[in-house]
Amino acid sequence: MLSVSALQQFLHDHFPLSTTMGVEVLAATADGVTLAAPLEPNINHRDTVFGGSASAVAILSAWGLLYVRLREEFPNASIVIQRNTMSYQRPIPSAFTASSFLPDPAGWDRFTNAFRRKNRARLSIGSLLYCNGEQVGELDAAFVALGLEPA
């Protein structure tokens, strides 16, 4: 399993925006990835978190979950986002977290079987945003894993 520090280093090396936004990996398991981000580099004109920043952290946590899961079985797979919908329940006035999860855990087997057969597969992943112990947003996204093309 990928360590918290290894995932954080990977995100900072490959997604420079994560460094600028102050993203920190708090947890990285096959059940979910939790990221934290401070208010200051993500602030908007209303002194709350900019919606684009909240969305980016939620997407990174969902992307991270698929990355952590794929590292074991398909380490050379590429991950791209296909679509996402972000819902905001309330303004985010301070530091916040994004915790990813599989909405349909049984879908993992379908995903890996499709990836083996077609060298590509799609998976839905969710991420919940929290601030001060309250849920403040939710991401619903679909990611596609692509394998190396056969020679």
N, C-alpha and C. Protein backbone atom coordinates (compact mmCIF):
# COMPACT_ATOMS: atom_id res chain seq x y z
N MET A 1 0.84 -1.18 0.00
CA MET A 1 0.00 0.00 0.00
C MET A 1 0.89 1.25 0.00
N LEU A 2 0.45 2.25 -0.70
CA LEU A 2 1.17 3.51 -0.82
C LEU A 2 1.07 4.29 0.49
N SER A 3 2.17 4.83 0.96
CA SER A 3 2.15 5.59 2.22
C SER A 3 1.59 6.99 2.00
N VAL A 4 1.17 7.61 3.09
CA VAL A 4 0.67 8.98 3.06
C VAL A 4 1.72 9.91 2.48
N SER A 5 2.96 9.78 2.95
CA SER A 5 4.02 10.69 2.46
C SER A 5 4.32 10.45 0.99
N ALA A 6 4.28 9.20 0.53
CA ALA A 6 4.53 8.91 -0.89
C ALA A 6 3.44 9.50 -1.77
N LEU A 7 2.19 9.39 -1.33
CA LEU A 7 1.10 9.98 -2.12
C LEU A 7 1.21 11.50 -2.12
N GLN A 8 1.53 12.09 -0.99
CA GLN A 8 1.66 13.55 -0.95
C GLN A 8 2.79 14.01 -1.88
N GLN A 9 3.91 13.32 -1.86
CA GLN A 9 5.02 13.69 -2.75
C GLN A 9 4.61 13.55 -4.21
N PHE A 10 3.90 12.47 -4.54
CA PHE A 10 3.44 12.27 -5.91
C PHE A 10 2.51 13.41 -6.34
N LEU A 11 1.55 13.75 -5.49
CA LEU A 11 0.61 14.84 -5.83
C LEU A 11 1.36 16.15 -6.04
N HIS A 12 2.30 16.46 -5.15
CA HIS A 12 3.03 17.72 -5.26
C HIS A 12 3.94 17.73 -6.50
N ASP A 13 4.50 16.58 -6.85
CA ASP A 13 5.37 16.50 -8.02
C ASP A 13 4.59 16.56 -9.34
N HIS A 14 3.40 15.95 -9.37
CA HIS A 14 2.66 15.80 -10.63
C HIS A 14 1.46 16.73 -10.78
N PHE A 15 1.04 17.33 -9.68
CA PHE A 15 -0.05 18.30 -9.68
C PHE A 15 0.44 19.53 -8.92
N PRO A 16 1.24 20.38 -9.55
CA PRO A 16 1.83 21.53 -8.84
C PRO A 16 0.81 22.40 -8.12
N LEU A 17 -0.40 22.44 -8.61
CA LEU A 17 -1.45 23.21 -7.96
C LEU A 17 -1.67 22.74 -6.53
N SER A 18 -1.47 21.44 -6.28
CA SER A 18 -1.67 20.90 -4.93
C SER A 18 -0.68 21.53 -3.93
N THR A 19 0.51 21.86 -4.40
CA THR A 19 1.50 22.52 -3.53
C THR A 19 1.06 23.95 -3.24
N THR A 20 0.68 24.67 -4.28
CA THR A 20 0.23 26.05 -4.14
C THR A 20 -0.98 26.15 -3.23
N MET A 21 -1.87 25.16 -3.31
CA MET A 21 -3.09 25.16 -2.51
C MET A 21 -2.85 24.68 -1.07
N GLY A 22 -1.64 24.19 -0.77
CA GLY A 22 -1.33 23.72 0.58
C GLY A 22 -1.96 22.38 0.91
N VAL A 23 -2.20 21.56 -0.10
CA VAL A 23 -2.85 20.26 0.11
C VAL A 23 -1.93 19.33 0.89
N GLU A 24 -2.51 18.68 1.90
CA GLU A 24 -1.79 17.71 2.73
C GLU A 24 -2.58 16.41 2.74
N VAL A 25 -1.89 15.29 2.56
CA VAL A 25 -2.54 13.98 2.61
C VAL A 25 -2.61 13.55 4.08
N LEU A 26 -3.83 13.29 4.56
CA LEU A 26 -4.03 12.83 5.93
C LEU A 26 -4.18 11.32 6.02
N ALA A 27 -4.77 10.71 4.98
CA ALA A 27 -4.98 9.26 4.96
C ALA A 27 -4.96 8.78 3.52
N ALA A 28 -4.42 7.58 3.32
CA ALA A 28 -4.37 7.00 1.97
C ALA A 28 -4.50 5.49 2.11
N THR A 29 -5.73 5.00 1.97
CA THR A 29 -5.99 3.56 2.05
C THR A 29 -6.85 3.15 0.86
N ALA A 30 -7.06 1.86 0.73
CA ALA A 30 -7.93 1.34 -0.34
C ALA A 30 -9.39 1.73 -0.10
N ASP A 31 -9.72 2.18 1.10
CA ASP A 31 -11.09 2.59 1.40
C ASP A 31 -11.32 4.08 1.14
N GLY A 32 -10.25 4.86 1.11
CA GLY A 32 -10.43 6.28 0.87
C GLY A 32 -9.16 7.07 1.08
N VAL A 33 -9.12 8.23 0.45
CA VAL A 33 -8.02 9.17 0.60
C VAL A 33 -8.60 10.45 1.17
N THR A 34 -7.98 10.94 2.26
CA THR A 34 -8.42 12.19 2.86
C THR A 34 -7.32 13.22 2.71
N LEU A 35 -7.70 14.35 2.14
CA LEU A 35 -6.79 15.48 1.94
C LEU A 35 -7.28 16.65 2.78
N ALA A 36 -6.37 17.49 3.21
CA ALA A 36 -6.71 18.72 3.93
C ALA A 36 -6.12 19.90 3.18
N ALA A 37 -6.78 21.04 3.30
CA ALA A 37 -6.27 22.27 2.70
C ALA A 37 -6.63 23.45 3.59
N PRO A 38 -5.74 24.42 3.71
CA PRO A 38 -6.01 25.60 4.53
C PRO A 38 -6.84 26.63 3.77
N LEU A 39 -7.38 27.56 4.50
CA LEU A 39 -8.18 28.64 3.88
C LEU A 39 -7.31 29.60 3.08
N GLU A 40 -6.19 30.05 3.65
CA GLU A 40 -5.44 31.18 3.10
C GLU A 40 -5.11 31.09 1.60
N PRO A 41 -4.48 30.02 1.10
CA PRO A 41 -4.17 30.04 -0.34
C PRO A 41 -5.38 29.73 -1.22
N ASN A 42 -6.53 29.44 -0.61
CA ASN A 42 -7.73 29.06 -1.34
C ASN A 42 -8.89 30.03 -1.13
N ILE A 43 -8.58 31.20 -0.62
CA ILE A 43 -9.59 32.16 -0.20
C ILE A 43 -10.20 32.90 -1.40
N ASN A 44 -11.47 33.28 -1.25
CA ASN A 44 -12.12 34.09 -2.28
C ASN A 44 -12.43 35.48 -1.74
N HIS A 45 -13.16 36.27 -2.50
CA HIS A 45 -13.47 37.65 -2.14
C HIS A 45 -14.42 37.77 -0.94
N ARG A 46 -15.00 36.65 -0.49
CA ARG A 46 -15.92 36.64 0.65
C ARG A 46 -15.25 36.06 1.91
N ASP A 47 -13.93 35.86 1.83
CA ASP A 47 -13.16 35.29 2.95
C ASP A 47 -13.59 33.86 3.29
N THR A 48 -14.03 33.14 2.27
CA THR A 48 -14.32 31.71 2.40
C THR A 48 -13.53 31.00 1.30
N VAL A 49 -13.59 29.68 1.30
CA VAL A 49 -12.86 28.90 0.29
C VAL A 49 -13.48 29.11 -1.09
N PHE A 50 -12.65 29.40 -2.07
CA PHE A 50 -13.07 29.52 -3.46
C PHE A 50 -13.62 28.17 -3.92
N GLY A 51 -14.76 28.17 -4.59
CA GLY A 51 -15.39 26.94 -5.04
C GLY A 51 -14.49 26.08 -5.92
N GLY A 52 -13.69 26.73 -6.76
CA GLY A 52 -12.77 25.98 -7.61
C GLY A 52 -11.71 25.25 -6.82
N SER A 53 -11.27 25.85 -5.73
CA SER A 53 -10.30 25.18 -4.85
C SER A 53 -10.93 23.98 -4.16
N ALA A 54 -12.15 24.17 -3.65
CA ALA A 54 -12.84 23.06 -2.99
C ALA A 54 -13.03 21.91 -3.96
N SER A 55 -13.44 22.23 -5.17
CA SER A 55 -13.64 21.21 -6.20
C SER A 55 -12.33 20.51 -6.54
N ALA A 56 -11.26 21.27 -6.68
CA ALA A 56 -9.96 20.68 -7.02
C ALA A 56 -9.48 19.72 -5.93
N VAL A 57 -9.66 20.08 -4.67
CA VAL A 57 -9.23 19.19 -3.57
C VAL A 57 -10.09 17.93 -3.55
N ALA A 58 -11.39 18.07 -3.79
CA ALA A 58 -12.27 16.91 -3.84
C ALA A 58 -11.88 15.99 -5.00
N ILE A 59 -11.59 16.56 -6.17
CA ILE A 59 -11.16 15.76 -7.32
C ILE A 59 -9.85 15.06 -7.03
N LEU A 60 -8.90 15.77 -6.42
CA LEU A 60 -7.62 15.15 -6.08
C LEU A 60 -7.79 13.99 -5.10
N SER A 61 -8.71 14.11 -4.15
CA SER A 61 -8.91 13.01 -3.20
C SER A 61 -9.51 11.81 -3.92
N ALA A 62 -10.45 12.04 -4.83
CA ALA A 62 -11.05 10.94 -5.59
C ALA A 62 -10.02 10.32 -6.53
N TRP A 63 -9.26 11.15 -7.22
CA TRP A 63 -8.20 10.66 -8.10
C TRP A 63 -7.21 9.84 -7.28
N GLY A 64 -6.88 10.33 -6.10
CA GLY A 64 -5.93 9.64 -5.23
C GLY A 64 -6.40 8.25 -4.82
N LEU A 65 -7.70 8.11 -4.57
CA LEU A 65 -8.23 6.79 -4.21
C LEU A 65 -8.02 5.80 -5.34
N LEU A 66 -8.33 6.21 -6.56
CA LEU A 66 -8.13 5.30 -7.70
C LEU A 66 -6.64 5.01 -7.89
N TYR A 67 -5.81 6.01 -7.72
CA TYR A 67 -4.36 5.83 -7.85
C TYR A 67 -3.85 4.82 -6.82
N VAL A 68 -4.26 4.96 -5.56
CA VAL A 68 -3.84 4.04 -4.50
C VAL A 68 -4.28 2.62 -4.83
N ARG A 69 -5.51 2.45 -5.27
CA ARG A 69 -6.02 1.11 -5.58
C ARG A 69 -5.33 0.50 -6.80
N LEU A 70 -5.06 1.30 -7.80
CA LEU A 70 -4.45 0.77 -9.02
C LEU A 70 -2.98 0.41 -8.85
N ARG A 71 -2.28 1.07 -7.93
CA ARG A 71 -0.84 0.85 -7.75
C ARG A 71 -0.50 -0.62 -7.51
N GLU A 72 -1.36 -1.35 -6.81
CA GLU A 72 -1.10 -2.75 -6.49
C GLU A 72 -1.17 -3.64 -7.73
N GLU A 73 -2.28 -3.52 -8.45
CA GLU A 73 -2.57 -4.46 -9.54
C GLU A 73 -2.16 -3.95 -10.93
N PHE A 74 -2.30 -2.67 -11.17
CA PHE A 74 -2.04 -2.08 -12.48
C PHE A 74 -1.18 -0.83 -12.33
N PRO A 75 0.08 -0.97 -11.95
CA PRO A 75 0.91 0.19 -11.61
C PRO A 75 1.18 1.14 -12.78
N ASN A 76 1.02 0.68 -14.01
CA ASN A 76 1.30 1.56 -15.16
C ASN A 76 0.05 2.21 -15.74
N ALA A 77 -1.09 2.03 -15.09
CA ALA A 77 -2.34 2.62 -15.60
C ALA A 77 -2.29 4.14 -15.48
N SER A 78 -2.90 4.79 -16.43
CA SER A 78 -3.05 6.24 -16.44
C SER A 78 -4.47 6.56 -15.99
N ILE A 79 -4.66 7.63 -15.26
CA ILE A 79 -5.99 7.99 -14.75
C ILE A 79 -6.36 9.37 -15.28
N VAL A 80 -7.57 9.46 -15.83
CA VAL A 80 -8.10 10.75 -16.27
C VAL A 80 -9.54 10.88 -15.74
N ILE A 81 -9.93 12.11 -15.49
CA ILE A 81 -11.31 12.34 -15.06
C ILE A 81 -12.18 12.45 -16.31
N GLN A 82 -13.35 11.83 -16.25
CA GLN A 82 -14.27 11.87 -17.38
C GLN A 82 -15.36 12.92 -17.15
N ARG A 83 -15.88 12.97 -15.93
CA ARG A 83 -16.92 13.95 -15.61
C ARG A 83 -16.97 14.14 -14.11
N ASN A 84 -17.53 15.26 -13.68
CA ASN A 84 -17.75 15.48 -12.25
C ASN A 84 -18.87 16.46 -12.02
N THR A 85 -19.51 16.30 -10.88
CA THR A 85 -20.54 17.22 -10.41
C THR A 85 -20.19 17.55 -8.97
N MET A 86 -20.17 18.83 -8.68
CA MET A 86 -19.83 19.29 -7.34
C MET A 86 -21.05 19.98 -6.75
N SER A 87 -21.41 19.61 -5.52
CA SER A 87 -22.50 20.26 -4.79
C SER A 87 -21.92 20.93 -3.56
N TYR A 88 -22.35 22.15 -3.30
CA TYR A 88 -21.89 22.89 -2.13
C TYR A 88 -23.08 23.13 -1.21
N GLN A 89 -22.98 22.66 0.04
CA GLN A 89 -24.08 22.86 0.98
C GLN A 89 -24.01 24.20 1.71
N ARG A 90 -22.79 24.69 1.94
CA ARG A 90 -22.63 25.97 2.65
C ARG A 90 -21.23 26.51 2.40
N PRO A 91 -21.02 27.79 2.67
CA PRO A 91 -19.67 28.35 2.53
C PRO A 91 -18.67 27.63 3.44
N ILE A 92 -17.42 27.64 3.04
CA ILE A 92 -16.35 26.99 3.80
C ILE A 92 -15.47 28.10 4.38
N PRO A 93 -15.63 28.39 5.68
CA PRO A 93 -14.96 29.56 6.27
C PRO A 93 -13.54 29.33 6.78
N SER A 94 -13.05 28.09 6.74
CA SER A 94 -11.71 27.81 7.27
C SER A 94 -11.15 26.56 6.61
N ALA A 95 -10.07 26.02 7.17
CA ALA A 95 -9.45 24.81 6.62
C ALA A 95 -10.51 23.73 6.44
N PHE A 96 -10.31 22.88 5.45
CA PHE A 96 -11.30 21.86 5.14
C PHE A 96 -10.62 20.57 4.70
N THR A 97 -11.42 19.49 4.67
CA THR A 97 -10.92 18.21 4.19
C THR A 97 -11.82 17.69 3.09
N ALA A 98 -11.26 16.78 2.30
CA ALA A 98 -12.00 16.05 1.28
C ALA A 98 -11.66 14.58 1.46
N SER A 99 -12.70 13.75 1.65
CA SER A 99 -12.50 12.32 1.88
C SER A 99 -13.22 11.53 0.79
N SER A 100 -12.45 10.74 0.04
CA SER A 100 -13.02 9.99 -1.08
C SER A 100 -13.51 8.62 -0.64
N PHE A 101 -14.40 8.06 -1.47
CA PHE A 101 -14.99 6.75 -1.19
C PHE A 101 -15.54 6.17 -2.49
N LEU A 102 -15.74 4.87 -2.49
CA LEU A 102 -16.39 4.21 -3.62
C LEU A 102 -17.88 4.12 -3.30
N PRO A 103 -18.74 4.78 -4.08
CA PRO A 103 -20.18 4.71 -3.82
C PRO A 103 -20.72 3.28 -3.97
N ASP A 104 -20.08 2.51 -4.85
CA ASP A 104 -20.49 1.13 -5.10
C ASP A 104 -19.26 0.24 -4.98
N PRO A 105 -18.93 -0.21 -3.75
CA PRO A 105 -17.72 -1.03 -3.57
C PRO A 105 -17.68 -2.27 -4.46
N ALA A 106 -18.84 -2.85 -4.78
CA ALA A 106 -18.89 -4.03 -5.65
C ALA A 106 -18.47 -3.67 -7.08
N GLY A 107 -18.53 -2.40 -7.42
CA GLY A 107 -18.13 -1.96 -8.75
C GLY A 107 -16.64 -2.12 -9.02
N TRP A 108 -15.84 -2.28 -7.96
CA TRP A 108 -14.40 -2.44 -8.14
C TRP A 108 -14.07 -3.68 -8.96
N ASP A 109 -14.75 -4.79 -8.67
CA ASP A 109 -14.50 -6.02 -9.42
C ASP A 109 -14.89 -5.86 -10.88
N ARG A 110 -16.01 -5.21 -11.15
CA ARG A 110 -16.41 -4.94 -12.55
C ARG A 110 -15.36 -4.07 -13.24
N PHE A 111 -14.87 -3.07 -12.50
CA PHE A 111 -13.85 -2.17 -13.04
C PHE A 111 -12.57 -2.94 -13.40
N THR A 112 -12.06 -3.75 -12.48
CA THR A 112 -10.80 -4.46 -12.75
C THR A 112 -10.98 -5.50 -13.86
N ASN A 113 -12.14 -6.16 -13.91
CA ASN A 113 -12.40 -7.12 -14.99
C ASN A 113 -12.44 -6.41 -16.34
N ALA A 114 -13.10 -5.27 -16.41
CA ALA A 114 -13.16 -4.50 -17.65
C ALA A 114 -11.76 -4.02 -18.05
N PHE A 115 -10.97 -3.59 -17.06
CA PHE A 115 -9.62 -3.11 -17.37
C PHE A 115 -8.77 -4.23 -17.96
N ARG A 116 -8.88 -5.42 -17.39
CA ARG A 116 -8.12 -6.56 -17.93
C ARG A 116 -8.55 -6.89 -19.36
N ARG A 117 -9.83 -6.85 -19.62
CA ARG A 117 -10.35 -7.20 -20.95
C ARG A 117 -10.08 -6.12 -22.01
N LYS A 118 -10.33 -4.87 -21.66
CA LYS A 118 -10.32 -3.79 -22.65
C LYS A 118 -9.14 -2.83 -22.55
N ASN A 119 -8.33 -2.99 -21.49
CA ASN A 119 -7.20 -2.10 -21.26
C ASN A 119 -7.65 -0.67 -20.94
N ARG A 120 -8.89 -0.56 -20.49
CA ARG A 120 -9.48 0.70 -20.05
C ARG A 120 -10.74 0.37 -19.28
N ALA A 121 -11.07 1.21 -18.32
CA ALA A 121 -12.29 1.01 -17.54
C ALA A 121 -12.67 2.31 -16.85
N ARG A 122 -13.95 2.40 -16.48
CA ARG A 122 -14.47 3.61 -15.84
C ARG A 122 -15.00 3.26 -14.46
N LEU A 123 -14.80 4.19 -13.51
CA LEU A 123 -15.25 3.97 -12.14
C LEU A 123 -15.77 5.27 -11.54
N SER A 124 -16.91 5.18 -10.86
CA SER A 124 -17.45 6.33 -10.13
C SER A 124 -16.82 6.39 -8.74
N ILE A 125 -16.45 7.60 -8.34
CA ILE A 125 -15.85 7.83 -7.02
C ILE A 125 -16.48 9.10 -6.45
N GLY A 126 -16.75 9.07 -5.16
CA GLY A 126 -17.29 10.24 -4.49
C GLY A 126 -16.27 10.84 -3.54
N SER A 127 -16.50 12.07 -3.15
CA SER A 127 -15.66 12.73 -2.15
C SER A 127 -16.54 13.69 -1.37
N LEU A 128 -16.39 13.65 -0.05
CA LEU A 128 -17.16 14.53 0.82
C LEU A 128 -16.25 15.59 1.41
N LEU A 129 -16.70 16.83 1.37
CA LEU A 129 -15.95 17.95 1.95
C LEU A 129 -16.49 18.23 3.36
N TYR A 130 -15.56 18.45 4.29
CA TYR A 130 -15.92 18.78 5.66
C TYR A 130 -15.15 20.01 6.12
N CYS A 131 -15.83 20.80 6.94
CA CYS A 131 -15.20 21.96 7.58
C CYS A 131 -15.79 22.06 8.98
N ASN A 132 -14.92 22.13 9.98
CA ASN A 132 -15.37 22.24 11.37
C ASN A 132 -16.38 21.16 11.74
N GLY A 133 -16.14 19.93 11.25
CA GLY A 133 -16.99 18.81 11.60
C GLY A 133 -18.30 18.70 10.85
N GLU A 134 -18.57 19.62 9.94
CA GLU A 134 -19.81 19.60 9.17
C GLU A 134 -19.53 19.31 7.70
N GLN A 135 -20.42 18.53 7.09
CA GLN A 135 -20.29 18.31 5.65
C GLN A 135 -20.69 19.61 4.94
N VAL A 136 -19.81 20.05 4.03
CA VAL A 136 -20.05 21.32 3.33
C VAL A 136 -20.11 21.16 1.82
N GLY A 137 -19.81 19.95 1.32
CA GLY A 137 -19.85 19.75 -0.12
C GLY A 137 -19.70 18.29 -0.47
N GLU A 138 -20.03 17.97 -1.72
CA GLU A 138 -19.92 16.59 -2.19
C GLU A 138 -19.59 16.56 -3.68
N LEU A 139 -18.67 15.68 -4.02
CA LEU A 139 -18.26 15.45 -5.41
C LEU A 139 -18.76 14.09 -5.85
N ASP A 140 -19.29 14.04 -7.06
CA ASP A 140 -19.62 12.78 -7.72
C ASP A 140 -18.84 12.82 -9.03
N ALA A 141 -17.94 11.86 -9.23
CA ALA A 141 -17.07 11.91 -10.41
C ALA A 141 -16.90 10.53 -11.03
N ALA A 142 -16.56 10.53 -12.29
CA ALA A 142 -16.22 9.29 -12.99
C ALA A 142 -14.80 9.45 -13.52
N PHE A 143 -13.98 8.45 -13.30
CA PHE A 143 -12.60 8.42 -13.76
C PHE A 143 -12.42 7.25 -14.71
N VAL A 144 -11.52 7.42 -15.64
CA VAL A 144 -11.18 6.35 -16.59
C VAL A 144 -9.71 6.00 -16.38
N ALA A 145 -9.47 4.70 -16.28
CA ALA A 145 -8.09 4.19 -16.22
C ALA A 145 -7.76 3.65 -17.60
N LEU A 146 -6.61 4.05 -18.08
CA LEU A 146 -6.14 3.63 -19.40
C LEU A 146 -4.84 2.87 -19.23
N GLY A 147 -4.75 1.73 -19.91
CA GLY A 147 -3.52 0.96 -19.88
C GLY A 147 -2.62 1.33 -21.03
N LEU A 148 -1.41 0.82 -20.98
CA LEU A 148 -0.49 1.04 -22.08
C LEU A 148 -0.99 0.30 -23.30
N GLU A 149 -0.90 0.93 -24.44
CA GLU A 149 -1.32 0.26 -25.68
C GLU A 149 -0.39 -0.89 -25.98
N PRO A 150 -0.95 -2.02 -26.42
CA PRO A 150 -0.08 -3.15 -26.79
C PRO A 150 0.84 -2.78 -27.94
N ALA A 151 2.04 -3.30 -27.92
CA ALA A 151 3.03 -2.98 -28.96
C ALA A 151 2.70 -3.69 -30.26
